[in-house]
Amino acid sequence: MAPIQIYLAGPDVFLRDALDHARAKIAICARYGLVGHAPAEAAPLPNDDAWRGIFLADLAMMEACDAIIANLTPFRGASADAGTLVELGWFLGRGRKLFGYSNSALLFPARSAAQRQAVPDPLPGLAEESFGLADNLMIPGAVEHDSGLPITLPPDGLSRPFDALDIFEICVAQAASALRS
């Protein structure tokens, strides 16, 4: 059986120690027999605008992977990182397996309410999503669609720092088991 290639999505690329963090995630994947690929490893292509080079390198990395494990911890708002959600949709659209985790134990409705309290809603009175999910219903829906697994959340109900890796490791273990069955 060929090694299972995993794309490690998330705004982790913005961490000060992004490369070390990526290496730690790749090492965790290896412990479970998966080959992790983190966008922090990708370098822009020569003779291209930097952002286009990063996009093309990430796209090539995604194309080479069998599945995605996405860091869906809220990033700069009540929801997951926009770029990570594009990557999640890319894998969904290609019928590849999706797995996700969040270091936040606080569910989307509570995070949305806290955000509205901090930043007034420009369109007050709009309906609010209140399904009690980890994020907007389309995100857990996409993750569960093929893998059958929900977004991995802190089992003890306690939020973790953004860069904590224990919930990521739980997600990797679940993904490895699901991908082998």
Protein backbone atom coordinates (compact mmCIF):
# COMPACT_ATOMS: atom_id res chain seq x y z
CA MET A 1 0.00 0.00 0.00
CA ALA A 2 1.40 3.41 -1.00
CA PRO A 3 1.91 5.91 1.79
CA ILE A 4 -1.09 8.18 2.37
CA GLN A 5 -0.27 11.80 1.55
CA ILE A 6 -1.94 14.42 3.76
CA TYR A 7 -2.21 18.14 3.06
CA LEU A 8 -1.96 20.06 6.34
CA ALA A 9 -4.12 23.15 5.86
CA GLY A 10 -4.53 26.07 8.18
CA PRO A 11 -3.43 29.55 9.06
CA ASP A 12 -0.49 28.03 10.94
CA VAL A 13 1.66 29.50 8.13
CA PHE A 14 1.25 32.88 9.87
CA LEU A 15 2.84 31.71 13.14
CA ARG A 16 6.24 33.21 13.96
CA ASP A 17 7.67 29.68 14.10
CA ALA A 18 5.64 28.37 11.15
CA LEU A 19 8.35 26.08 9.78
CA ASP A 20 9.08 24.47 13.16
CA HIS A 21 5.33 24.10 13.76
CA ALA A 22 4.92 22.46 10.34
CA ARG A 23 7.77 20.05 11.08
CA ALA A 24 6.12 19.08 14.38
CA LYS A 25 2.83 18.36 12.58
CA ILE A 26 4.63 16.34 9.90
CA ALA A 27 6.35 14.29 12.65
CA ILE A 28 2.99 13.58 14.30
CA CYS A 29 1.61 12.39 10.95
CA ALA A 30 4.63 10.09 10.50
CA ARG A 31 3.95 8.46 13.89
CA TYR A 32 0.59 7.38 12.48
CA GLY A 33 1.97 6.21 9.13
CA LEU A 34 0.85 9.29 7.18
CA VAL A 35 3.03 11.59 5.10
CA GLY A 36 2.20 15.18 6.01
CA HIS A 37 2.75 18.11 3.64
CA ALA A 38 2.53 21.62 5.03
CA PRO A 39 2.22 24.76 2.90
CA ALA A 40 5.04 26.29 4.96
CA GLU A 41 7.32 23.90 3.05
CA ALA A 42 6.32 25.43 -0.29
CA ALA A 43 8.52 28.10 -1.82
CA PRO A 44 7.30 30.61 -4.40
CA LEU A 45 8.11 29.72 -7.97
CA PRO A 46 10.77 31.82 -9.76
CA ASN A 47 9.73 34.62 -12.15
CA ASP A 48 6.28 34.92 -10.63
CA ASP A 49 4.61 37.33 -8.25
CA ALA A 50 5.15 35.99 -4.73
CA TRP A 51 1.47 35.40 -4.00
CA ARG A 52 0.91 33.63 -7.31
CA GLY A 53 3.93 31.44 -6.67
CA ILE A 54 2.65 30.51 -3.21
CA PHE A 55 -0.80 29.75 -4.63
CA LEU A 56 0.61 27.55 -7.41
CA ALA A 57 2.98 25.72 -5.04
CA ASP A 58 0.13 25.04 -2.60
CA LEU A 59 -2.13 23.90 -5.45
CA ALA A 60 0.54 21.46 -6.67
CA MET A 61 0.97 20.18 -3.11
CA MET A 62 -2.80 19.69 -2.76
CA GLU A 63 -2.94 17.83 -6.07
CA ALA A 64 -0.33 15.38 -4.79
CA CYS A 65 -2.27 14.60 -1.59
CA ASP A 66 -4.94 12.02 -0.86
CA ALA A 67 -6.65 13.87 1.97
CA ILE A 68 -6.64 17.09 3.98
CA ILE A 69 -6.40 17.71 7.70
CA ALA A 70 -7.50 21.30 8.25
CA ASN A 71 -6.89 23.51 11.24
CA LEU A 72 -10.37 25.02 11.63
CA THR A 73 -9.59 26.90 14.83
CA PRO A 74 -11.19 30.35 14.51
CA PHE A 75 -8.77 32.80 12.97
CA ARG A 76 -9.20 36.58 13.13
CA GLY A 77 -12.92 36.25 13.66
CA ALA A 78 -15.65 33.82 14.67
CA SER A 79 -14.90 31.31 11.93
CA ALA A 80 -12.09 29.35 10.35
CA ASP A 81 -9.48 30.95 8.06
CA ALA A 82 -10.82 31.84 4.60
CA GLY A 83 -7.83 30.35 2.75
CA THR A 84 -8.17 27.10 4.66
CA LEU A 85 -11.84 26.94 3.68
CA VAL A 86 -10.91 27.30 0.00
CA GLU A 87 -8.50 24.38 0.42
CA LEU A 88 -11.20 22.34 2.18
CA GLY A 89 -13.59 23.03 -0.71
CA TRP A 90 -10.92 22.03 -3.22
CA PHE A 91 -10.59 18.59 -1.57
CA LEU A 92 -14.38 18.23 -1.28
CA GLY A 93 -14.80 19.06 -4.97
CA ARG A 94 -12.31 16.37 -5.94
CA GLY A 95 -13.95 13.70 -3.79
CA ARG A 96 -10.95 13.37 -1.50
CA LYS A 97 -11.18 12.77 2.23
CA LEU A 98 -11.54 15.73 4.58
CA PHE A 99 -10.65 15.86 8.26
CA GLY A 100 -10.62 18.90 10.48
CA TYR A 101 -9.98 20.00 14.02
CA SER A 102 -10.40 23.08 16.16
CA ASN A 103 -8.58 24.03 19.34
CA SER A 104 -11.65 26.06 20.34
CA ALA A 105 -14.19 24.34 22.55
CA LEU A 106 -16.57 27.29 22.08
CA LEU A 107 -19.13 26.55 19.37
CA PHE A 108 -19.94 28.82 16.44
CA PRO A 109 -23.12 30.46 17.83
CA ALA A 110 -21.31 31.58 20.99
CA ARG A 111 -18.29 32.82 19.04
CA SER A 112 -20.57 34.70 16.64
CA ALA A 113 -22.40 36.34 19.55
CA ALA A 114 -19.09 37.40 21.10
CA GLN A 115 -17.95 38.86 17.78
CA ARG A 116 -21.19 40.80 17.35
CA GLN A 117 -20.75 42.19 20.85
CA ALA A 118 -17.20 43.31 20.04
CA VAL A 119 -17.99 44.56 16.53
CA PRO A 120 -21.55 45.71 15.90
CA ASP A 121 -23.34 43.90 13.10
CA PRO A 122 -23.58 46.20 10.04
CA LEU A 123 -26.94 44.60 9.21
CA PRO A 124 -28.73 44.10 12.53
CA GLY A 125 -31.74 41.83 12.57
CA LEU A 126 -30.43 39.20 10.18
CA ALA A 127 -31.16 35.58 11.06
CA GLU A 128 -28.43 33.76 12.95
CA GLU A 129 -27.24 30.20 12.51
CA SER A 130 -27.93 28.33 15.73
CA PHE A 131 -27.24 24.68 15.03
CA GLY A 132 -24.66 24.44 17.83
CA LEU A 133 -21.92 23.26 15.46
CA ALA A 134 -18.18 23.90 15.50
CA ASP A 135 -18.54 26.44 12.65
CA ASN A 136 -20.93 27.51 9.89
CA LEU A 137 -22.93 24.40 8.89
CA MET A 138 -21.19 24.11 5.51
CA ILE A 139 -17.82 23.51 7.19
CA PRO A 140 -18.74 20.54 9.43
CA GLY A 141 -20.98 19.33 6.60
CA ALA A 142 -18.01 19.24 4.21
CA VAL A 143 -15.76 17.51 6.74
CA GLU A 144 -18.35 14.85 7.57
CA HIS A 145 -19.51 14.36 3.96
CA ASP A 146 -16.92 11.76 2.97
CA SER A 147 -15.04 10.86 6.14
CA GLY A 148 -18.14 10.47 8.30
CA LEU A 149 -16.18 12.07 11.15
CA PRO A 150 -17.10 15.35 12.82
CA ILE A 151 -14.64 18.17 13.34
CA THR A 152 -12.37 17.09 16.20
CA LEU A 153 -12.87 19.35 19.21
CA PRO A 154 -11.22 19.36 22.65
CA PRO A 155 -12.74 16.30 24.34
CA ASP A 156 -12.47 17.90 27.78
CA GLY A 157 -14.40 21.00 26.69
CA LEU A 158 -11.41 23.28 27.32
CA SER A 159 -10.10 25.52 24.54
CA ARG A 160 -6.42 25.30 23.68
CA PRO A 161 -3.96 27.92 22.45
CA PHE A 162 -4.07 28.32 18.68
CA ASP A 163 -0.76 26.48 18.18
CA ALA A 164 -1.42 23.56 20.56
CA LEU A 165 -1.01 20.19 18.85
CA ASP A 166 -2.87 17.72 21.09
CA ILE A 167 -6.22 18.09 19.29
CA PHE A 168 -4.38 17.92 15.94
CA GLU A 169 -2.87 14.60 17.06
CA ILE A 170 -6.28 13.21 17.99
CA CYS A 171 -7.51 14.21 14.52
CA VAL A 172 -4.48 12.58 12.85
CA ALA A 173 -5.13 9.32 14.75
CA GLN A 174 -8.79 9.36 13.66
CA ALA A 175 -7.83 10.16 10.06
CA ALA A 176 -5.22 7.39 9.93
CA SER A 177 -7.76 4.87 11.22
CA ALA A 178 -10.49 6.02 8.80
CA LEU A 179 -8.15 6.08 5.79
CA ARG A 180 -7.00 2.53 6.45
CA SER A 181 -10.49 1.07 6.85
